[in-house]
């Protein structure tokens, strides 16, 4: 499994160094927009029906990352200036969104 070995904040971007030597960059407000949390992405009810996300289509311009922490050996949890901190960015998902 490829993991994150270093995280730096550079201006309004998050820079990630991966265990395979690759580097990725993503704007902090974009990272917030793509949070994998249920309030941002929505979730499914017991019948499998998509429940609307509370924040779908919201403008996150100017939102910044205030801190981060490693969760187990598989994810990063970012805290944002708007108070959001519930999304767990699995390494695979983080790699995917920073490669586009």
C-alpha atoms as a PDB file:
ATOM      1  CA  UNK A   1       0.000   0.000   0.000  1.00  0.00           C
ATOM      2  CA  UNK A   2       1.270   3.439  -0.923  1.00  0.00           C
ATOM      3  CA  UNK A   3       1.161   5.808   2.055  1.00  0.00           C
ATOM      4  CA  UNK A   4       1.702   9.504   2.734  1.00  0.00           C
ATOM      5  CA  UNK A   5       5.169  10.134   4.183  1.00  0.00           C
ATOM      6  CA  UNK A   6       5.041  13.936   4.523  1.00  0.00           C
ATOM      7  CA  UNK A   7       2.451  16.714   4.448  1.00  0.00           C
ATOM      8  CA  UNK A   8       3.227  20.402   4.062  1.00  0.00           C
ATOM      9  CA  UNK A   9       1.026  23.471   3.756  1.00  0.00           C
ATOM     10  CA  UNK A  10       2.284  25.749   0.979  1.00  0.00           C
ATOM     11  CA  UNK A  11       0.200  28.897   0.695  1.00  0.00           C
ATOM     12  CA  UNK A  12      -3.329  27.714  -0.076  1.00  0.00           C
ATOM     13  CA  UNK A  13      -2.287  24.202  -1.098  1.00  0.00           C
ATOM     14  CA  UNK A  14      -1.574  20.933   0.651  1.00  0.00           C
ATOM     15  CA  UNK A  15       1.563  19.179  -0.608  1.00  0.00           C
ATOM     16  CA  UNK A  16       1.807  15.418  -0.107  1.00  0.00           C
ATOM     17  CA  UNK A  17       4.836  13.190  -0.491  1.00  0.00           C
ATOM     18  CA  UNK A  18       4.051   9.519  -1.104  1.00  0.00           C
ATOM     19  CA  UNK A  19       6.017   6.424  -0.128  1.00  0.00           C
ATOM     20  CA  UNK A  20       6.714   5.717  -3.818  1.00  0.00           C
ATOM     21  CA  UNK A  21       8.442   9.119  -4.165  1.00  0.00           C
ATOM     22  CA  UNK A  22       5.574  10.874  -5.985  1.00  0.00           C
ATOM     23  CA  UNK A  23       4.365  14.300  -4.891  1.00  0.00           C
ATOM     24  CA  UNK A  24       0.826  15.688  -5.110  1.00  0.00           C
ATOM     25  CA  UNK A  25      -0.670  19.122  -4.571  1.00  0.00           C
ATOM     26  CA  UNK A  26      -4.284  20.168  -3.985  1.00  0.00           C
ATOM     27  CA  UNK A  27      -5.918  23.472  -3.138  1.00  0.00           C
ATOM     28  CA  UNK A  28      -7.231  23.498   0.431  1.00  0.00           C
ATOM     29  CA  UNK A  29     -10.717  24.644  -0.577  1.00  0.00           C
ATOM     30  CA  UNK A  30     -10.875  21.874  -3.188  1.00  0.00           C
ATOM     31  CA  UNK A  31      -9.820  19.340  -0.557  1.00  0.00           C
ATOM     32  CA  UNK A  32     -12.695  20.587   1.628  1.00  0.00           C
ATOM     33  CA  UNK A  33     -15.150  20.376  -1.282  1.00  0.00           C
ATOM     34  CA  UNK A  34     -14.172  16.751  -1.885  1.00  0.00           C
ATOM     35  CA  UNK A  35     -14.429  15.685   1.763  1.00  0.00           C
ATOM     36  CA  UNK A  36     -15.611  12.072   1.892  1.00  0.00           C
ATOM     37  CA  UNK A  37     -17.830  12.821   4.910  1.00  0.00           C
ATOM     38  CA  UNK A  38     -21.544  12.002   4.875  1.00  0.00           C
ATOM     39  CA  UNK A  39     -22.499  15.670   5.305  1.00  0.00           C
ATOM     40  CA  UNK A  40     -20.568  16.561   2.148  1.00  0.00           C
ATOM     41  CA  UNK A  41     -21.088  13.468  -0.031  1.00  0.00           C
ATOM     42  CA  UNK A  42     -24.359  12.170   1.368  1.00  0.00           C
ATOM     43  CA  UNK A  43     -25.085   8.677   2.583  1.00  0.00           C
ATOM     44  CA  UNK A  44     -27.464   5.795   1.933  1.00  0.00           C
ATOM     45  CA  UNK A  45     -30.402   4.801   4.101  1.00  0.00           C
ATOM     46  CA  UNK A  46     -31.194   1.192   5.072  1.00  0.00           C
ATOM     47  CA  UNK A  47     -32.964   0.640   1.743  1.00  0.00           C
ATOM     48  CA  UNK A  48     -29.944   1.857  -0.227  1.00  0.00           C
ATOM     49  CA  UNK A  49     -31.528   5.152  -1.260  1.00  0.00           C
ATOM     50  CA  UNK A  50     -29.173   8.131  -1.503  1.00  0.00           C
ATOM     51  CA  UNK A  51     -29.836  10.737   1.182  1.00  0.00           C
ATOM     52  CA  UNK A  52     -29.004  14.267   0.098  1.00  0.00           C
ATOM     53  CA  UNK A  53     -25.846  15.831   1.416  1.00  0.00           C
ATOM     54  CA  UNK A  54     -26.287  18.956   3.523  1.00  0.00           C
ATOM     55  CA  UNK A  55     -23.361  20.699   1.825  1.00  0.00           C
ATOM     56  CA  UNK A  56     -23.765  19.629  -1.828  1.00  0.00           C
ATOM     57  CA  UNK A  57     -22.994  22.573  -4.112  1.00  0.00           C
ATOM     58  CA  UNK A  58     -21.792  24.799  -1.266  1.00  0.00           C
ATOM     59  CA  UNK A  59     -19.012  27.302  -2.019  1.00  0.00           C
ATOM     60  CA  UNK A  60     -15.893  26.513   0.001  1.00  0.00           C
ATOM     61  CA  UNK A  61     -13.772  29.344  -1.439  1.00  0.00           C
ATOM     62  CA  UNK A  62     -11.281  30.599   1.115  1.00  0.00           C
ATOM     63  CA  UNK A  63     -11.606  27.592   3.427  1.00  0.00           C
ATOM     64  CA  UNK A  64      -8.189  26.460   4.606  1.00  0.00           C
ATOM     65  CA  UNK A  65      -6.728  23.446   6.360  1.00  0.00           C
ATOM     66  CA  UNK A  66      -5.866  24.192   9.989  1.00  0.00           C
ATOM     67  CA  UNK A  67      -4.444  20.810  11.002  1.00  0.00           C
ATOM     68  CA  UNK A  68      -4.275  17.137  10.110  1.00  0.00           C
ATOM     69  CA  UNK A  69      -3.765  13.792  11.787  1.00  0.00           C
ATOM     70  CA  UNK A  70      -2.975  10.281  10.618  1.00  0.00           C
ATOM     71  CA  UNK A  71      -5.746   7.743  11.232  1.00  0.00           C
ATOM     72  CA  UNK A  72      -4.380   4.236  11.611  1.00  0.00           C
ATOM     73  CA  UNK A  73      -2.182   3.341   8.676  1.00  0.00           C
ATOM     74  CA  UNK A  74      -4.753   4.117   6.007  1.00  0.00           C
ATOM     75  CA  UNK A  75      -6.093   7.693   6.129  1.00  0.00           C
ATOM     76  CA  UNK A  76      -5.612  11.374   6.937  1.00  0.00           C
ATOM     77  CA  UNK A  77      -8.180  13.464   8.789  1.00  0.00           C
ATOM     78  CA  UNK A  78      -8.017  17.174   7.993  1.00  0.00           C
ATOM     79  CA  UNK A  79      -9.513  19.958  10.107  1.00  0.00           C
ATOM     80  CA  UNK A  80     -10.718  23.024   8.202  1.00  0.00           C
ATOM     81  CA  UNK A  81     -11.191  26.680   9.048  1.00  0.00           C
ATOM     82  CA  UNK A  82     -14.985  26.334   8.680  1.00  0.00           C
ATOM     83  CA  UNK A  83     -15.047  23.816  11.551  1.00  0.00           C
ATOM     84  CA  UNK A  84     -15.381  20.686   9.399  1.00  0.00           C
ATOM     85  CA  UNK A  85     -13.271  17.734  10.551  1.00  0.00           C
ATOM     86  CA  UNK A  86     -15.258  14.534  10.046  1.00  0.00           C
ATOM     87  CA  UNK A  87     -14.020  13.284   6.668  1.00  0.00           C
ATOM     88  CA  UNK A  88     -11.438  10.500   6.619  1.00  0.00           C
ATOM     89  CA  UNK A  89      -9.370  10.697   3.439  1.00  0.00           C
ATOM     90  CA  UNK A  90      -8.200   7.122   2.765  1.00  0.00           C
ATOM     91  CA  UNK A  91      -4.811   7.120   1.042  1.00  0.00           C
ATOM     92  CA  UNK A  92      -6.289   5.646  -2.156  1.00  0.00           C
ATOM     93  CA  UNK A  93      -8.968   8.374  -2.299  1.00  0.00           C
ATOM     94  CA  UNK A  94      -6.452  11.109  -1.478  1.00  0.00           C
ATOM     95  CA  UNK A  95      -4.115   9.887  -4.203  1.00  0.00           C
ATOM     96  CA  UNK A  96      -7.016   9.817  -6.689  1.00  0.00           C
ATOM     97  CA  UNK A  97      -8.223  13.366  -6.007  1.00  0.00           C
ATOM     98  CA  UNK A  98      -4.726  14.856  -6.022  1.00  0.00           C
ATOM     99  CA  UNK A  99      -3.780  13.181  -9.303  1.00  0.00           C
ATOM    100  CA  UNK A 100      -6.500  14.898 -11.356  1.00  0.00           C
END
